[in-house]
Each structure stands twice: as structure tokens, then as C-alpha cells.
Amino acid sequence: MSDLTPILRVRNWVEVEFSGRHERTLMTQVICKVGQFSTGLTIRQKKGTRSRFYVQLSPAEHVEVEFVFELMRKALAEEMEKVLSAFIFRNNLYGPSPAKDDDKPRAEQTPEERARLRQIAAMSEFMNPVNVRKAITA
């Protein structure tokens, strides 16, 4: 095994892809964690590309970065949906809710759905409401 260790640690420039600034930040943090970069990360980026950059990783690190990033990006997307729902709730940005056949009564909600709603309600309590004044007064 000791003969393979130096080979596994050889780092080459590899391309990583993401979408948007939040995923870019997430990708950077995943790379720093997996590659154990504590002093900074050197990246290369081609002009005109926003959704990918190049970083030095070993083959094993590259695989782990891609795996961890994919798990984290899905979890981040779910959390962002909750944050948006909490923000909408906190600022009363919803209209009257029409009676729908697909609205489940509380008794029919799954424990996961109820837990998600509790998380959204808790998040909304810690958000500062936006003070909006009417632009036109009647």
C-alpha cells in the first residue's frame, strides 16, 4: 500500500462544474474540505465561463468532491426551498388560499410533511420582516 500512496496524492488540474453563485461557494467549500486546503485554494477559470473552474485534485479527491458535492447540492436546494417558504410566510407574501382538493388536512399529512412545516415556521420566526409601505395610497 505504501507504494500506491504517493501516486494517489498526485494532483492534476481537473474541471469541476456547478450552477450559480451559491453552488460555486458550495463547490469551493467541498473542495477545501476534501482536499484539506486550509491556507487557500488556487483555481483557474477560462474567460467567459461562469459555471466551471479548474482546481488541483488527486483522482481520489476528485471522485470524492463530485460525490459529496452532488449530495450537498441536493440538500442545499431543499433547504433553500424552505428558506424561501419561510421568507414568504414571514412577510405575508401570499394571497388568499383557495380551497383545493389537493390540500391535505393536518391528519392526512405525513410525519415528514409536518416536520418540514415546523422547520419552515421556526425559520420564519428568526427572520426579520421587511417593512413595506404602500407606494400609492387611495
N, C-alpha and C. Protein backbone atom coordinates (compact mmCIF):
# COMPACT_ATOMS: atom_id res chain seq x y z
N MET A 1 0.82 -1.20 0.00
CA MET A 1 0.00 0.00 0.00
C MET A 1 0.86 1.26 0.00
N SER A 2 1.99 1.21 0.65
CA SER A 2 2.83 2.40 0.71
C SER A 2 3.35 2.79 -0.67
N ASP A 3 3.46 1.84 -1.61
CA ASP A 3 3.90 2.16 -2.96
C ASP A 3 2.85 2.97 -3.71
N LEU A 4 1.57 2.78 -3.38
CA LEU A 4 0.48 3.47 -4.07
C LEU A 4 0.19 4.85 -3.48
N THR A 5 0.53 5.06 -2.23
CA THR A 5 0.20 6.31 -1.55
C THR A 5 0.70 7.54 -2.29
N PRO A 6 1.98 7.59 -2.74
CA PRO A 6 2.42 8.79 -3.47
C PRO A 6 1.64 8.99 -4.77
N ILE A 7 1.28 7.92 -5.46
CA ILE A 7 0.53 8.02 -6.72
C ILE A 7 -0.85 8.61 -6.46
N LEU A 8 -1.53 8.15 -5.40
CA LEU A 8 -2.87 8.63 -5.10
C LEU A 8 -2.88 10.11 -4.70
N ARG A 9 -1.77 10.62 -4.22
CA ARG A 9 -1.71 12.01 -3.76
C ARG A 9 -1.26 12.99 -4.86
N VAL A 10 -0.91 12.48 -6.04
CA VAL A 10 -0.51 13.35 -7.13
C VAL A 10 -1.74 14.12 -7.60
N ARG A 11 -1.60 15.43 -7.62
CA ARG A 11 -2.73 16.28 -8.00
C ARG A 11 -2.54 16.81 -9.41
N ASN A 12 -3.63 16.77 -10.17
CA ASN A 12 -3.65 17.31 -11.52
C ASN A 12 -4.78 18.34 -11.61
N TRP A 13 -4.73 19.18 -12.64
CA TRP A 13 -5.81 20.13 -12.84
C TRP A 13 -7.02 19.39 -13.37
N VAL A 14 -8.13 19.52 -12.66
CA VAL A 14 -9.38 18.88 -13.07
C VAL A 14 -10.48 19.93 -13.12
N GLU A 15 -11.45 19.67 -13.98
CA GLU A 15 -12.57 20.59 -14.13
C GLU A 15 -13.71 20.18 -13.21
N VAL A 16 -14.30 21.17 -12.54
CA VAL A 16 -15.50 20.93 -11.74
C VAL A 16 -16.59 21.89 -12.22
N GLU A 17 -17.83 21.43 -12.16
CA GLU A 17 -18.95 22.22 -12.65
C GLU A 17 -19.96 22.47 -11.56
N PHE A 18 -20.66 23.58 -11.68
CA PHE A 18 -21.66 23.99 -10.71
C PHE A 18 -22.61 24.93 -11.42
N SER A 19 -23.63 25.38 -10.74
CA SER A 19 -24.60 26.30 -11.34
C SER A 19 -24.93 27.42 -10.36
N GLY A 20 -24.53 28.62 -10.68
CA GLY A 20 -24.85 29.77 -9.84
C GLY A 20 -23.85 30.02 -8.73
N ARG A 21 -24.03 31.18 -8.09
CA ARG A 21 -23.04 31.59 -7.09
C ARG A 21 -23.12 30.77 -5.81
N HIS A 22 -24.31 30.31 -5.43
CA HIS A 22 -24.41 29.50 -4.21
C HIS A 22 -23.73 28.15 -4.41
N GLU A 23 -23.94 27.56 -5.56
CA GLU A 23 -23.27 26.28 -5.84
C GLU A 23 -21.77 26.46 -6.01
N ARG A 24 -21.34 27.61 -6.52
CA ARG A 24 -19.90 27.88 -6.63
C ARG A 24 -19.28 27.90 -5.23
N THR A 25 -19.94 28.61 -4.31
CA THR A 25 -19.45 28.66 -2.93
C THR A 25 -19.45 27.27 -2.32
N LEU A 26 -20.52 26.52 -2.55
CA LEU A 26 -20.60 25.16 -2.02
C LEU A 26 -19.48 24.29 -2.58
N MET A 27 -19.26 24.37 -3.90
CA MET A 27 -18.20 23.57 -4.52
C MET A 27 -16.84 23.93 -3.92
N THR A 28 -16.59 25.21 -3.74
CA THR A 28 -15.31 25.65 -3.18
C THR A 28 -15.12 25.08 -1.78
N GLN A 29 -16.16 25.11 -0.96
CA GLN A 29 -16.07 24.60 0.41
C GLN A 29 -15.87 23.09 0.42
N VAL A 30 -16.55 22.38 -0.47
CA VAL A 30 -16.37 20.92 -0.55
C VAL A 30 -14.94 20.60 -0.95
N ILE A 31 -14.41 21.32 -1.92
CA ILE A 31 -13.02 21.09 -2.35
C ILE A 31 -12.06 21.34 -1.20
N CYS A 32 -12.25 22.43 -0.48
CA CYS A 32 -11.37 22.74 0.66
C CYS A 32 -11.43 21.65 1.72
N LYS A 33 -12.62 21.14 1.99
CA LYS A 33 -12.77 20.08 3.00
C LYS A 33 -12.12 18.78 2.53
N VAL A 34 -12.47 18.34 1.34
CA VAL A 34 -11.94 17.07 0.83
C VAL A 34 -10.44 17.14 0.62
N GLY A 35 -9.97 18.24 0.02
CA GLY A 35 -8.54 18.37 -0.27
C GLY A 35 -7.72 18.88 0.90
N GLN A 36 -8.40 19.18 2.00
CA GLN A 36 -7.76 19.70 3.21
C GLN A 36 -6.92 20.95 2.91
N PHE A 37 -7.52 21.86 2.14
CA PHE A 37 -6.88 23.13 1.84
C PHE A 37 -7.25 24.11 2.95
N SER A 38 -6.30 24.47 3.78
CA SER A 38 -6.60 25.38 4.87
C SER A 38 -6.07 26.79 4.61
N THR A 39 -5.09 26.92 3.76
CA THR A 39 -4.48 28.23 3.53
C THR A 39 -5.04 28.93 2.30
N GLY A 40 -5.84 28.25 1.54
CA GLY A 40 -6.40 28.87 0.34
C GLY A 40 -6.46 27.88 -0.80
N LEU A 41 -7.22 28.23 -1.77
CA LEU A 41 -7.45 27.35 -2.90
C LEU A 41 -7.09 28.10 -4.17
N THR A 42 -6.27 27.49 -5.01
CA THR A 42 -5.92 28.09 -6.28
C THR A 42 -6.80 27.50 -7.36
N ILE A 43 -7.52 28.37 -8.05
CA ILE A 43 -8.37 27.90 -9.14
C ILE A 43 -7.97 28.59 -10.43
N ARG A 44 -8.30 27.96 -11.52
CA ARG A 44 -8.12 28.55 -12.85
C ARG A 44 -9.50 28.56 -13.51
N GLN A 45 -9.75 29.62 -14.23
CA GLN A 45 -11.04 29.73 -14.89
C GLN A 45 -10.83 30.34 -16.27
N LYS A 46 -11.45 29.73 -17.27
CA LYS A 46 -11.37 30.26 -18.62
C LYS A 46 -12.25 31.49 -18.72
N LYS A 47 -11.82 32.44 -19.51
CA LYS A 47 -12.61 33.65 -19.73
C LYS A 47 -13.97 33.28 -20.31
N GLY A 48 -15.00 33.90 -19.78
CA GLY A 48 -16.34 33.68 -20.31
C GLY A 48 -17.06 32.48 -19.73
N THR A 49 -16.43 31.77 -18.83
CA THR A 49 -17.13 30.63 -18.21
C THR A 49 -17.43 30.97 -16.76
N ARG A 50 -18.67 30.79 -16.38
CA ARG A 50 -19.07 31.08 -15.01
C ARG A 50 -19.40 29.83 -14.22
N SER A 51 -19.69 28.76 -14.91
CA SER A 51 -20.20 27.58 -14.22
C SER A 51 -19.19 26.44 -14.10
N ARG A 52 -17.92 26.77 -14.27
CA ARG A 52 -16.89 25.74 -14.08
C ARG A 52 -15.55 26.40 -13.84
N PHE A 53 -14.70 25.70 -13.12
CA PHE A 53 -13.32 26.13 -12.98
C PHE A 53 -12.45 24.92 -12.82
N TYR A 54 -11.16 25.14 -12.78
CA TYR A 54 -10.18 24.06 -12.67
C TYR A 54 -9.47 24.18 -11.34
N VAL A 55 -9.21 23.05 -10.73
CA VAL A 55 -8.55 23.00 -9.44
C VAL A 55 -7.65 21.76 -9.41
N GLN A 56 -6.63 21.80 -8.59
CA GLN A 56 -5.73 20.66 -8.50
C GLN A 56 -6.23 19.67 -7.45
N LEU A 57 -6.55 18.46 -7.93
CA LEU A 57 -7.01 17.38 -7.06
C LEU A 57 -6.41 16.07 -7.53
N SER A 58 -6.25 15.16 -6.59
CA SER A 58 -5.85 13.80 -6.97
C SER A 58 -7.08 13.10 -7.54
N PRO A 59 -6.91 11.99 -8.25
CA PRO A 59 -8.07 11.28 -8.79
C PRO A 59 -9.07 10.87 -7.69
N ALA A 60 -8.56 10.42 -6.55
CA ALA A 60 -9.44 10.01 -5.45
C ALA A 60 -10.19 11.23 -4.88
N GLU A 61 -9.49 12.35 -4.73
CA GLU A 61 -10.12 13.56 -4.23
C GLU A 61 -11.19 14.06 -5.20
N HIS A 62 -10.90 13.97 -6.49
CA HIS A 62 -11.86 14.42 -7.50
C HIS A 62 -13.16 13.62 -7.41
N VAL A 63 -13.05 12.32 -7.29
CA VAL A 63 -14.23 11.47 -7.16
C VAL A 63 -15.00 11.83 -5.90
N GLU A 64 -14.30 12.00 -4.81
CA GLU A 64 -14.97 12.34 -3.55
C GLU A 64 -15.63 13.72 -3.62
N VAL A 65 -14.96 14.68 -4.24
CA VAL A 65 -15.53 16.02 -4.38
C VAL A 65 -16.84 15.94 -5.18
N GLU A 66 -16.83 15.24 -6.29
CA GLU A 66 -18.04 15.12 -7.11
C GLU A 66 -19.16 14.44 -6.33
N PHE A 67 -18.84 13.40 -5.58
CA PHE A 67 -19.84 12.66 -4.80
C PHE A 67 -20.42 13.54 -3.69
N VAL A 68 -19.56 14.16 -2.90
CA VAL A 68 -20.01 14.99 -1.79
C VAL A 68 -20.78 16.20 -2.31
N PHE A 69 -20.28 16.82 -3.39
CA PHE A 69 -20.95 17.99 -3.94
C PHE A 69 -22.36 17.65 -4.39
N GLU A 70 -22.54 16.53 -5.05
CA GLU A 70 -23.87 16.14 -5.52
C GLU A 70 -24.83 15.94 -4.35
N LEU A 71 -24.37 15.31 -3.28
CA LEU A 71 -25.22 15.16 -2.09
C LEU A 71 -25.55 16.50 -1.47
N MET A 72 -24.55 17.36 -1.33
CA MET A 72 -24.74 18.66 -0.70
C MET A 72 -25.60 19.60 -1.54
N ARG A 73 -25.46 19.54 -2.86
CA ARG A 73 -26.25 20.45 -3.71
C ARG A 73 -27.73 20.11 -3.63
N LYS A 74 -28.06 18.82 -3.54
CA LYS A 74 -29.47 18.44 -3.38
C LYS A 74 -30.00 18.90 -2.02
N ALA A 75 -29.21 18.71 -0.99
CA ALA A 75 -29.62 19.14 0.36
C ALA A 75 -29.75 20.66 0.41
N LEU A 76 -28.83 21.38 -0.23
CA LEU A 76 -28.90 22.84 -0.25
C LEU A 76 -30.16 23.30 -0.98
N ALA A 77 -30.50 22.67 -2.09
CA ALA A 77 -31.71 23.05 -2.83
C ALA A 77 -32.95 22.87 -1.97
N GLU A 78 -33.01 21.79 -1.22
CA GLU A 78 -34.16 21.55 -0.32
C GLU A 78 -34.22 22.62 0.77
N GLU A 79 -33.07 22.96 1.33
CA GLU A 79 -33.03 23.98 2.39
C GLU A 79 -33.39 25.36 1.84
N MET A 80 -32.94 25.66 0.62
CA MET A 80 -33.27 26.95 0.02
C MET A 80 -34.77 27.07 -0.22
N GLU A 81 -35.41 25.98 -0.58
CA GLU A 81 -36.87 25.99 -0.75
C GLU A 81 -37.55 26.30 0.58
N LYS A 82 -37.04 25.73 1.66
CA LYS A 82 -37.61 26.01 2.99
C LYS A 82 -37.39 27.46 3.38
N VAL A 83 -36.20 27.98 3.10
CA VAL A 83 -35.91 29.38 3.43
C VAL A 83 -36.84 30.31 2.66
N LEU A 84 -37.05 30.02 1.38
CA LEU A 84 -37.94 30.85 0.58
C LEU A 84 -39.37 30.79 1.12
N SER A 85 -39.83 29.61 1.48
CA SER A 85 -41.17 29.46 2.06
C SER A 85 -41.27 30.23 3.37
N ALA A 86 -40.24 30.16 4.20
CA ALA A 86 -40.25 30.88 5.47
C ALA A 86 -40.26 32.38 5.24
N PHE A 87 -39.51 32.85 4.26
CA PHE A 87 -39.47 34.28 3.94
C PHE A 87 -40.84 34.76 3.46
N ILE A 88 -41.46 33.99 2.60
CA ILE A 88 -42.80 34.33 2.11
C ILE A 88 -43.78 34.37 3.26
N PHE A 89 -43.71 33.38 4.14
CA PHE A 89 -44.61 33.32 5.30
C PHE A 89 -44.38 34.51 6.23
N ARG A 90 -43.13 34.80 6.54
CA ARG A 90 -42.79 35.88 7.47
C ARG A 90 -43.26 37.24 6.98
N ASN A 91 -43.23 37.43 5.67
CA ASN A 91 -43.59 38.72 5.10
C ASN A 91 -45.00 38.75 4.49
N ASN A 92 -45.78 37.73 4.79
CA ASN A 92 -47.17 37.66 4.32
C ASN A 92 -47.29 37.91 2.82
N LEU A 93 -46.46 37.25 2.05
CA LEU A 93 -46.44 37.45 0.60
C LEU A 93 -47.30 36.44 -0.15
N TYR A 94 -48.32 35.97 0.49
CA TYR A 94 -49.20 35.00 -0.16
C TYR A 94 -50.61 35.59 -0.19
N GLY A 95 -51.32 35.22 -1.21
CA GLY A 95 -52.70 35.68 -1.34
C GLY A 95 -53.64 34.75 -0.60
N PRO A 96 -54.90 35.00 -0.72
CA PRO A 96 -55.86 34.10 -0.07
C PRO A 96 -55.75 32.71 -0.69
N SER A 97 -55.82 31.71 0.13
CA SER A 97 -55.66 30.34 -0.38
C SER A 97 -57.03 29.78 -0.76
N PRO A 98 -57.19 29.50 -2.04
CA PRO A 98 -58.46 28.91 -2.48
C PRO A 98 -58.56 27.48 -2.00
N ALA A 99 -59.76 27.01 -1.80
CA ALA A 99 -59.96 25.62 -1.39
C ALA A 99 -59.57 24.73 -2.55
N LYS A 100 -58.65 23.83 -2.30
CA LYS A 100 -58.19 22.91 -3.34
C LYS A 100 -58.43 21.49 -2.87
N ASP A 101 -58.62 20.63 -3.83
CA ASP A 101 -58.79 19.22 -3.49
C ASP A 101 -57.48 18.60 -3.04
N ASP A 102 -56.34 19.17 -3.51
CA ASP A 102 -55.05 18.58 -3.17
C ASP A 102 -54.48 19.08 -1.86
N ASP A 103 -55.13 20.05 -1.19
CA ASP A 103 -54.68 20.48 0.14
C ASP A 103 -55.05 19.40 1.15
N LYS A 104 -54.03 18.91 1.82
CA LYS A 104 -54.26 17.82 2.78
C LYS A 104 -54.60 18.39 4.15
N PRO A 105 -55.61 17.85 4.78
CA PRO A 105 -55.83 18.22 6.19
C PRO A 105 -54.65 17.72 7.01
N ARG A 106 -54.43 18.36 8.15
CA ARG A 106 -53.29 18.01 9.00
C ARG A 106 -53.24 16.52 9.32
N ALA A 107 -54.39 15.91 9.55
CA ALA A 107 -54.42 14.48 9.90
C ALA A 107 -53.90 13.60 8.77
N GLU A 108 -53.98 14.10 7.52
CA GLU A 108 -53.53 13.29 6.39
C GLU A 108 -52.08 13.57 6.00
N GLN A 109 -51.44 14.54 6.65
CA GLN A 109 -50.05 14.84 6.33
C GLN A 109 -49.14 13.77 6.91
N THR A 110 -48.07 13.49 6.20
CA THR A 110 -47.10 12.53 6.70
C THR A 110 -46.28 13.19 7.80
N PRO A 111 -45.65 12.40 8.65
CA PRO A 111 -44.78 12.99 9.68
C PRO A 111 -43.67 13.86 9.06
N GLU A 112 -43.17 13.48 7.88
CA GLU A 112 -42.13 14.26 7.20
C GLU A 112 -42.68 15.62 6.76
N GLU A 113 -43.91 15.64 6.25
CA GLU A 113 -44.52 16.90 5.83
C GLU A 113 -44.74 17.82 7.03
N ARG A 114 -45.20 17.25 8.14
CA ARG A 114 -45.41 18.06 9.34
C ARG A 114 -44.08 18.60 9.88
N ALA A 115 -43.04 17.78 9.85
CA ALA A 115 -41.72 18.21 10.32
C ALA A 115 -41.19 19.34 9.44
N ARG A 116 -41.40 19.23 8.13
CA ARG A 116 -40.95 20.28 7.20
C ARG A 116 -41.68 21.59 7.51
N LEU A 117 -42.98 21.54 7.74
CA LEU A 117 -43.74 22.74 8.06
C LEU A 117 -43.30 23.36 9.38
N ARG A 118 -42.95 22.52 10.35
CA ARG A 118 -42.44 23.04 11.63
C ARG A 118 -41.10 23.74 11.42
N GLN A 119 -40.23 23.16 10.58
CA GLN A 119 -38.94 23.79 10.28
C GLN A 119 -39.14 25.15 9.62
N ILE A 120 -40.06 25.22 8.68
CA ILE A 120 -40.33 26.49 7.98
C ILE A 120 -40.84 27.52 8.97
N ALA A 121 -41.75 27.12 9.83
CA ALA A 121 -42.31 28.06 10.83
C ALA A 121 -41.20 28.54 11.77
N ALA A 122 -40.32 27.64 12.20
CA ALA A 122 -39.22 28.03 13.09
C ALA A 122 -38.26 28.99 12.39
N MET A 123 -37.95 28.71 11.13
CA MET A 123 -37.07 29.60 10.37
C MET A 123 -37.68 30.99 10.26
N SER A 124 -38.96 31.03 10.00
CA SER A 124 -39.61 32.33 9.78
C SER A 124 -39.57 33.20 11.03
N GLU A 125 -39.59 32.58 12.20
CA GLU A 125 -39.56 33.35 13.44
C GLU A 125 -38.23 34.08 13.64
N PHE A 126 -37.17 33.56 13.06
CA PHE A 126 -35.85 34.17 13.23
C PHE A 126 -35.51 35.16 12.12
N MET A 127 -36.41 35.31 11.16
CA MET A 127 -36.18 36.25 10.07
C MET A 127 -36.74 37.62 10.43
N ASN A 128 -36.06 38.64 9.96
CA ASN A 128 -36.57 40.00 10.13
C ASN A 128 -37.58 40.28 9.04
N PRO A 129 -38.76 40.73 9.41
CA PRO A 129 -39.73 41.06 8.36
C PRO A 129 -39.29 42.32 7.63
N VAL A 130 -39.66 42.40 6.36
CA VAL A 130 -39.34 43.57 5.55
C VAL A 130 -40.46 44.58 5.73
N ASN A 131 -40.09 45.80 6.05
CA ASN A 131 -41.08 46.86 6.26
C ASN A 131 -41.41 47.47 4.90
N VAL A 132 -42.62 47.22 4.42
CA VAL A 132 -43.05 47.73 3.13
C VAL A 132 -44.15 48.75 3.34
N ARG A 133 -43.97 49.88 2.73
CA ARG A 133 -45.01 50.92 2.79
C ARG A 133 -45.68 50.99 1.44
N LYS A 134 -46.95 51.24 1.46
CA LYS A 134 -47.67 51.33 0.19
C LYS A 134 -47.12 52.47 -0.64
N ALA A 135 -46.92 52.22 -1.92
CA ALA A 135 -46.43 53.26 -2.82
C ALA A 135 -47.55 54.22 -3.21
N ILE A 136 -48.74 53.69 -3.28
CA ILE A 136 -49.88 54.52 -3.66
C ILE A 136 -50.94 54.39 -2.56
N THR A 137 -51.39 55.50 -2.07
CA THR A 137 -52.45 55.45 -1.07
C THR A 137 -53.75 55.90 -1.74
N ALA A 138 -54.80 55.21 -1.43
CA ALA A 138 -56.09 55.52 -2.05
C ALA A 138 -56.85 56.56 -1.27
